[in-house]
Amino acid sequence: MDFYSKTFGKYDYRILTVIPLLIALLLLPAALNMPLGIDFVGGTEVQIVTQRTLTDSQVSGVVYSCVSDASISLNQLDKGSSVLIKTKEDLTKECLDKGLSGIGFTDEEIAKIIPSTFRPELGKILFEQGIQVFIIALALMAIIVFFAFFRSLSILVSGVAGLAVAGVLHILGFSMLISGGAGLLVLLFLNLFMDMAVIPSIAVIAAALLDITIAIGILSIFGIELSLAGVAALLMLIGYSVDTDIMLATRTITRTNKPFSENVNEAFVTGITMTGTTLAAMSSIIVVTSFLEMAAMAQIAYVLVAGLVADLCTTWFMTAGLLRWYTRTKQRGSLKFKFNLFRD
């Protein structure tokens, strides 16, 4: 039951607190240069399921006679082959039909194969809408978390100020990402200035943002392109992140009859069980999708695995460290605006 204290108790919690932030800062350049899939930048996707046994050289010859760059996934089935082709170029049906005819496909087989085209204009709109949905989800999450831990007039004042800043910036022509981010920062700092009791709420929100940054950075390093399914997975990741952090914060703040170390040990067992089961499930999906053409499921699994690994670090290093500092400061009765993490 005291695994957390035995493992991490020998380290200075203030050092553990900054580790997730340093990791996020290191991965930030990669996250900002996240490669986007054809859902967002446009392109062509073709799926071929045939009773023929195709080879890599045959498929590559057909594809690269039409485009210069493409992602090709060939799987051998019990009876035949399955091929998934993705390219950011315009792969026309005429060129594809000519290539397939050259490797022996009949006109009847060719007629069943229809490329799916994603226009860049539509992809840009989808990307902008995805960002808007993402910002709205973060804003709603922040509001709910603040009300869960802290109820006072400062919430109303800072909330109105944050919305006002976001609205003005958006009217002036700034993007939803910049406007929403600025509004969220105003909300956070006003609450922090008014009362340090919002530290648990800020810890939960910061953990979610770092989880997302680290997850996107890891995917970018491995060259995994973000698709619409990935955006959905990032929204799911917000829920997973907030879930474990609120559980930790609730147990360590509300159970004042027990020492902090005992509360965090109990929360650690619950949290690791929750995260571990989800990681096992997502890892299984990654293994299965490596044999089957399930791109959307694979993207969701990749995002959640990267994000949940990051959440282990942010929750049990950063959030736990901030909550330890918060509870100690509160017990001393000096919960004022003197935030010095490196002063015990």
Foldseek 3Di string as FASTA:
>chain_A
DLVLCVVPVVDDLLVLQCVLVVLLVVLQVLLVVFAAFCLQQKWKKWKAWDQAADDPVLVCVLVCVQPPDWDWDWFQDPGGIIIMIIDRDYRDLVSNLVSVVVVPDDPVRSVVIDMDIHDNVSSNVVVLVLLLVVLVLLVVLLLVLCVVQHDDVLQVVLLVQLVVQLVVCVVVPDGNNVSSVSSVVSSVVSVCQVFVSCLLSVLLSVLLVSLQSQLSSVCSVVVNHDHPLLSVLSSVLNVLSSVLSVLLLCQQPVPPVDHNSVSNSVSVVVNCVVLVVLLVVLVVQCVVCSNPPDVSSNSSSSSSNSSSVSSVSSRSRNSSLSSVVVVVCVVVVNRHSPDDSPDD
